[in-house]
Protein backbone atom coordinates (compact mmCIF):
# COMPACT_ATOMS: atom_id res chain seq x y z
CA MET A 1 13.91 -85.04 2.29
CA ASP A 2 16.65 -87.58 1.42
CA ASP A 3 19.98 -86.85 3.10
CA ASP A 4 21.89 -89.75 1.52
CA PRO A 5 24.24 -88.19 -1.09
CA ASP A 6 25.07 -91.58 -2.64
CA ARG A 7 21.50 -92.57 -3.33
CA VAL A 8 20.63 -92.70 -7.04
CA THR A 9 17.27 -91.19 -7.91
CA GLY A 10 14.87 -92.35 -10.60
CA ASP A 11 15.64 -89.30 -12.72
CA GLN A 12 19.35 -90.07 -12.59
CA VAL A 13 18.74 -93.67 -13.67
CA THR A 14 16.61 -92.48 -16.58
CA THR A 15 19.25 -89.95 -17.65
CA ASP A 16 22.01 -92.55 -17.46
CA ARG A 17 20.00 -94.99 -19.55
CA VAL A 18 19.26 -92.38 -22.20
CA THR A 19 22.94 -91.42 -22.37
CA ALA A 20 24.00 -95.05 -22.62
CA ASP A 21 21.45 -95.73 -25.34
CA ARG A 22 22.64 -92.70 -27.29
CA LEU A 23 26.26 -93.88 -27.12
CA ARG A 24 25.17 -97.29 -28.37
CA GLY A 25 23.23 -95.70 -31.21
CA ARG A 26 19.81 -96.89 -30.05
CA THR A 27 16.57 -95.15 -30.78
CA GLN A 28 14.07 -95.16 -27.93
CA VAL A 29 10.65 -96.51 -28.91
CA HIS A 30 8.24 -96.75 -26.01
CA ARG A 31 6.09 -99.86 -25.82
CA GLY A 32 2.55 -99.35 -27.00
CA HIS A 33 3.48 -96.36 -29.17
CA THR A 34 3.81 -96.39 -32.94
CA PRO A 35 7.21 -95.03 -34.04
CA ARG A 36 7.14 -91.83 -36.07
CA PHE A 37 8.54 -92.11 -39.58
CA GLU A 38 9.46 -88.61 -40.65
CA PRO A 39 9.41 -88.05 -44.43
CA ASP A 40 12.73 -86.19 -44.64
CA VAL A 41 14.51 -88.92 -42.66
CA LEU A 42 13.05 -91.61 -44.90
CA ALA A 43 14.08 -89.57 -47.94
CA VAL A 44 17.74 -89.32 -46.93
CA ILE A 45 17.78 -93.03 -46.05
CA ALA A 46 16.38 -93.84 -49.49
CA LEU A 47 18.99 -91.63 -51.15
CA GLY A 48 21.74 -93.28 -49.15
CA GLY A 49 20.36 -96.70 -50.09
CA MET A 50 20.59 -95.81 -53.77
CA ILE A 51 24.22 -94.81 -53.38
CA GLY A 52 25.22 -97.80 -51.28
CA ALA A 53 23.49 -100.39 -53.46
CA THR A 54 25.00 -98.85 -56.59
CA CYS A 55 28.49 -99.04 -55.10
CA ARG A 56 27.95 -102.69 -54.16
CA TYR A 57 26.66 -103.52 -57.64
CA ALA A 58 29.63 -101.75 -59.27
CA LEU A 59 32.04 -103.77 -57.14
CA SER A 60 30.26 -107.01 -58.02
CA ARG A 61 30.61 -106.16 -61.72
CA ALA A 62 34.27 -105.30 -61.29
CA LEU A 63 34.95 -108.59 -59.46
CA PRO A 64 32.50 -111.12 -60.92
CA SER A 65 32.53 -114.66 -59.52
CA ALA A 66 31.45 -117.71 -61.47
CA ALA A 67 29.46 -120.55 -59.92
CA GLY A 68 31.55 -122.45 -57.41
CA ARG A 69 34.13 -119.68 -57.14
CA PHE A 70 34.99 -117.60 -54.10
CA PRO A 71 32.70 -114.51 -54.04
CA TRP A 72 35.39 -111.90 -53.49
CA ALA A 73 33.16 -108.91 -54.25
CA THR A 74 30.69 -109.70 -51.47
CA LEU A 75 33.48 -110.44 -49.03
CA ILE A 76 35.21 -107.14 -49.77
CA THR A 77 31.91 -105.28 -49.55
CA ASN A 78 31.00 -106.64 -46.13
CA LEU A 79 34.49 -106.27 -44.69
CA THR A 80 35.01 -102.68 -45.82
CA GLY A 81 31.46 -101.77 -44.82
CA SER A 82 31.99 -103.16 -41.31
CA LEU A 83 35.17 -101.13 -40.88
CA ILE A 84 33.72 -97.87 -42.24
CA LEU A 85 30.52 -98.18 -40.20
CA ALA A 86 32.46 -98.72 -36.98
CA VAL A 87 34.57 -95.63 -37.61
CA LEU A 88 31.57 -93.47 -38.52
CA LEU A 89 29.55 -94.51 -35.49
CA VAL A 90 32.35 -93.69 -33.08
CA VAL A 91 32.84 -90.30 -34.72
CA MET A 92 29.17 -89.36 -35.00
CA VAL A 93 27.73 -90.92 -31.84
CA GLU A 94 30.50 -90.53 -29.29
CA ARG A 95 32.19 -87.34 -30.46
CA PHE A 96 29.58 -85.10 -32.04
CA PRO A 97 26.02 -84.00 -31.20
CA PRO A 98 23.19 -86.16 -32.58
CA SER A 99 22.56 -85.61 -36.28
CA ARG A 100 18.98 -85.99 -37.38
CA LEU A 101 19.70 -86.56 -41.09
CA LEU A 102 23.42 -87.20 -41.60
CA ARG A 103 23.65 -90.28 -39.42
CA PRO A 104 20.68 -92.17 -40.94
CA PHE A 105 21.87 -91.16 -44.41
CA LEU A 106 25.36 -92.59 -43.93
CA THR A 107 24.72 -95.56 -41.64
CA THR A 108 21.21 -96.86 -42.34
CA GLY A 109 21.18 -95.65 -45.95
CA VAL A 110 24.60 -95.82 -47.59
CA LEU A 111 26.37 -98.48 -45.53
CA GLY A 112 23.22 -100.45 -44.77
CA ALA A 113 22.63 -100.88 -48.50
CA TYR A 114 26.32 -101.27 -49.33
CA THR A 115 26.75 -104.33 -47.10
CA THR A 116 24.57 -107.39 -47.60
CA MET A 117 23.69 -110.26 -45.29
CA SER A 118 21.32 -111.92 -47.77
CA THR A 119 23.83 -112.24 -50.61
CA PHE A 120 26.46 -113.51 -48.18
CA LEU A 121 24.22 -116.30 -46.87
CA VAL A 122 22.81 -117.24 -50.28
CA ASP A 123 26.34 -117.41 -51.70
CA THR A 124 27.35 -119.67 -48.81
CA ALA A 125 24.37 -121.97 -49.32
CA LEU A 126 24.97 -122.20 -53.08
CA LEU A 127 28.63 -123.06 -52.59
CA ILE A 128 27.88 -125.81 -50.08
CA GLU A 129 24.94 -127.21 -52.10
CA GLY A 130 27.02 -127.16 -55.28
CA GLY A 131 29.68 -129.43 -53.81
CA HIS A 132 32.12 -126.68 -52.82
CA ALA A 133 31.76 -127.08 -49.08
CA LEU A 134 35.35 -126.11 -48.29
CA THR A 135 35.04 -122.88 -50.26
CA GLY A 136 31.65 -122.17 -48.70
CA PHE A 137 32.79 -122.66 -45.11
CA GLY A 138 35.97 -120.70 -45.77
CA TYR A 139 33.93 -117.85 -47.24
CA ALA A 140 31.51 -117.86 -44.29
CA LEU A 141 34.31 -117.98 -41.72
CA SER A 142 36.36 -115.24 -43.37
CA THR A 143 33.31 -112.99 -43.66
CA LEU A 144 32.18 -113.42 -40.05
CA VAL A 145 35.60 -113.31 -38.42
CA GLY A 146 36.90 -110.59 -40.73
CA GLY A 147 33.81 -108.43 -40.34
CA LEU A 148 33.86 -108.61 -36.55
CA ALA A 149 37.62 -108.06 -36.40
CA LEU A 150 37.47 -105.00 -38.67
CA ALA A 151 34.53 -103.57 -36.73
CA TYR A 152 36.51 -103.91 -33.52
CA LEU A 153 39.59 -102.46 -35.21
CA GLY A 154 37.58 -99.48 -36.45
CA VAL A 155 36.12 -98.73 -33.02
CA SER A 156 39.35 -99.17 -31.05
CA THR A 157 41.57 -97.36 -33.54
CA THR A 158 39.24 -94.39 -33.89
CA ARG A 159 38.99 -94.03 -30.12
CA ARG A 160 42.78 -94.29 -29.81
CA ILE A 161 43.26 -91.56 -32.42
CA TYR A 162 40.91 -89.32 -30.49
CA ARG A 163 42.86 -89.97 -27.30
CA GLU A 164 46.14 -89.14 -29.03
CA LEU A 165 44.90 -85.92 -30.61
CA MET A 166 42.81 -85.12 -27.53
CA SER A 167 41.93 -81.54 -28.36
CA ALA A 168 40.43 -79.43 -31.10
CA THR A 169 43.88 -77.92 -31.61
CA GLY A 170 45.29 -81.35 -32.37
CA TRP A 171 42.59 -82.00 -34.97
CA ILE A 172 43.13 -78.62 -36.59
CA ALA A 173 46.86 -79.36 -36.84
CA PHE A 174 46.09 -82.81 -38.27
CA LEU A 175 43.81 -81.38 -40.95
CA LEU A 176 46.29 -78.64 -41.83
CA ALA A 177 49.08 -81.21 -42.19
CA ALA A 178 46.90 -83.34 -44.46
CA GLY A 179 45.98 -80.22 -46.42
CA MET A 180 49.67 -79.50 -46.96
CA GLY A 181 50.68 -83.09 -47.79
CA ALA A 182 48.43 -83.54 -50.81
CA PRO A 183 49.43 -80.26 -52.56
CA CYS A 184 53.11 -81.02 -51.88
CA ARG A 185 52.65 -84.38 -53.60
CA PHE A 186 51.06 -82.67 -56.59
CA MET A 187 53.87 -80.12 -56.88
CA VAL A 188 56.69 -82.67 -56.52
CA ASP A 189 55.04 -85.04 -58.99
CA SER A 190 54.50 -82.23 -61.49
CA ALA A 191 58.05 -80.89 -61.12
CA VAL A 192 59.67 -84.31 -61.58
CA GLY A 193 57.30 -85.36 -64.35
CA SER A 194 57.97 -82.22 -66.38
CA ARG A 195 61.70 -83.03 -66.44
CA ALA A 196 61.52 -86.79 -66.88
CA ARG A 197 61.50 -88.52 -70.25
CA GLY A 198 59.58 -91.58 -71.25
CA ASP A 199 56.51 -93.18 -69.75
CA PHE A 200 57.93 -94.24 -66.40
CA PRO A 201 56.13 -92.41 -63.53
CA TRP A 202 59.22 -90.93 -61.90
CA GLY A 203 57.17 -88.36 -60.00
CA THR A 204 55.27 -90.97 -57.99
CA LEU A 205 58.50 -92.86 -57.29
CA VAL A 206 60.17 -89.73 -55.91
CA VAL A 207 57.11 -88.86 -53.82
CA ASN A 208 56.74 -92.31 -52.28
CA SER A 209 60.44 -92.90 -51.63
CA SER A 210 60.95 -89.48 -50.02
CA GLY A 211 57.81 -89.96 -47.95
CA CYS A 212 59.05 -93.34 -46.71
CA LEU A 213 62.38 -91.78 -45.74
CA LEU A 214 60.69 -88.98 -43.80
CA LEU A 215 58.18 -91.28 -42.12
CA GLY A 216 60.95 -93.68 -41.10
CA ALA A 217 62.81 -90.82 -39.47
CA LEU A 218 59.64 -89.59 -37.77
CA ILE A 219 58.81 -93.04 -36.39
CA GLY A 220 62.39 -93.39 -35.17
CA LEU A 221 62.16 -90.09 -33.32
CA GLY A 222 58.88 -91.22 -31.80
CA MET A 223 60.35 -94.53 -30.65
CA SER A 224 63.17 -92.70 -28.89
CA GLY A 225 60.76 -90.31 -27.19
CA SER A 226 62.16 -87.26 -28.97
CA ILE A 227 58.72 -86.22 -30.23
CA SER A 228 55.25 -86.57 -28.74
CA PRO A 229 52.64 -89.06 -29.97
CA VAL A 230 50.45 -86.13 -31.01
CA LEU A 231 53.15 -84.70 -33.27
CA ARG A 232 53.84 -88.13 -34.72
CA THR A 233 50.16 -88.58 -35.54
CA VAL A 234 49.79 -85.10 -37.01
CA VAL A 235 52.89 -85.21 -39.21
CA GLY A 236 52.97 -88.95 -39.95
CA THR A 237 49.33 -89.88 -40.45
CA GLY A 238 48.15 -86.45 -41.52
CA GLY A 239 50.98 -84.91 -43.50
CA LEU A 240 53.04 -87.81 -44.83
CA GLY A 241 50.00 -90.05 -45.20
CA ALA A 242 48.50 -87.48 -47.55
CA TYR A 243 51.84 -86.87 -49.26
CA THR A 244 52.53 -90.46 -50.32
CA THR A 245 50.11 -92.36 -52.55
CA PHE A 246 49.41 -96.05 -53.03
CA SER A 247 46.40 -95.59 -55.29
CA THR A 248 48.26 -93.57 -57.93
CA PHE A 249 51.11 -96.11 -57.88
CA SER A 250 48.61 -98.95 -58.41
CA PHE A 251 46.76 -97.18 -61.21
CA GLN A 252 49.93 -96.24 -63.05
CA THR A 253 51.18 -99.83 -62.82
CA ILE A 254 47.94 -101.21 -64.29
CA GLU A 255 47.96 -98.51 -66.97
CA LEU A 256 51.49 -99.46 -68.04
CA ALA A 257 50.62 -103.16 -68.09
CA GLU A 258 47.46 -102.66 -70.14
CA SER A 259 49.36 -100.61 -72.72
CA GLY A 260 51.78 -103.50 -73.22
CA LYS A 261 54.68 -101.97 -71.27
CA LEU A 262 55.11 -104.88 -68.88
CA GLY A 263 58.76 -104.09 -68.24
CA LEU A 264 57.96 -100.57 -67.07
CA ALA A 265 55.10 -101.89 -64.95
CA ALA A 266 57.44 -104.38 -63.25
CA ARG A 267 60.06 -101.66 -62.73
CA ASN A 268 57.42 -99.44 -61.17
CA VAL A 269 56.41 -102.14 -58.68
CA LEU A 270 59.99 -103.03 -57.79
CA GLY A 271 61.14 -99.41 -57.73
CA ASN A 272 58.42 -98.16 -55.38
CA SER A 273 58.71 -101.22 -53.13
CA LEU A 274 62.48 -101.52 -52.85
CA VAL A 275 63.42 -97.83 -52.92
CA GLY A 276 60.59 -97.01 -50.50
CA LEU A 277 61.67 -99.80 -48.14
CA ALA A 278 65.28 -98.64 -48.33
CA GLY A 279 64.21 -95.08 -47.55
CA ALA A 280 62.22 -96.22 -44.52
CA VAL A 281 65.20 -98.23 -43.20
CA VAL A 282 67.58 -95.29 -43.72
CA GLY A 283 65.20 -93.00 -41.82
CA LEU A 284 64.90 -95.46 -38.94
CA VAL A 285 68.65 -96.05 -38.77
CA ALA A 286 69.45 -92.33 -38.94
CA THR A 287 67.26 -91.62 -35.91
CA GLY A 288 68.62 -94.54 -33.88
CA ALA A 289 65.58 -96.83 -34.08
CA PHE A 290 67.78 -99.70 -35.36
CA ARG A 291 70.95 -100.30 -33.42
């Protein structure tokens, strides 16, 4: 009988290794044994691969690059894929029980097919061989550095968010705030749009400028210690993040420009940027963040 309480047994070492491997996302395959390929797992990976490859192809068609030009589509694909994969792995591996189908579907299938190492390296070789060495090395450096930086950002930020919310109650409050922010945006946009005349998207301007004002005030209160980091995350990231909208602003600007209304498009860009910035400053000043 072993009376040393600090001695680590073989079973404990094995358990620790299994736990560590699970947190790193590794699958244990014993030497000398053929891995089992289960049909349903392969099926969801294949389905995910179809989705991911289709998204990558659609992006490459939306941002085509001629010979000798910077391949923006592949760069964007690999950078966004690195960020999303890092976030998903932290959420699924470190925070939730193992998922037999969801994890391989999203990570190995969708994101594995969405990102591409082969196209990245072939693009780099073609640029260098075609006499565009500066573009080629710049593309390679931005892809490698950007991908690693965004992967690190995804892991560290997701873990920090979990630490701030800490509990299931915090996550429920976060989701409820986000669930309230989006409908509030819809109602404000609809109410303003029904009263406005002309083609200018007044509803989006009112939504974004009011959201910037409120977020500035919230951040100011957080900087002064008047509210907790959890409340700031719930209301700011959850509620006001869902309330304001950059995508709708961008789409409406492009829509105005394509219809020949360049003046309205320019006013939309300047209006959302300047009025939103002014609102944020007013909120910060009102709560004593700027002295």
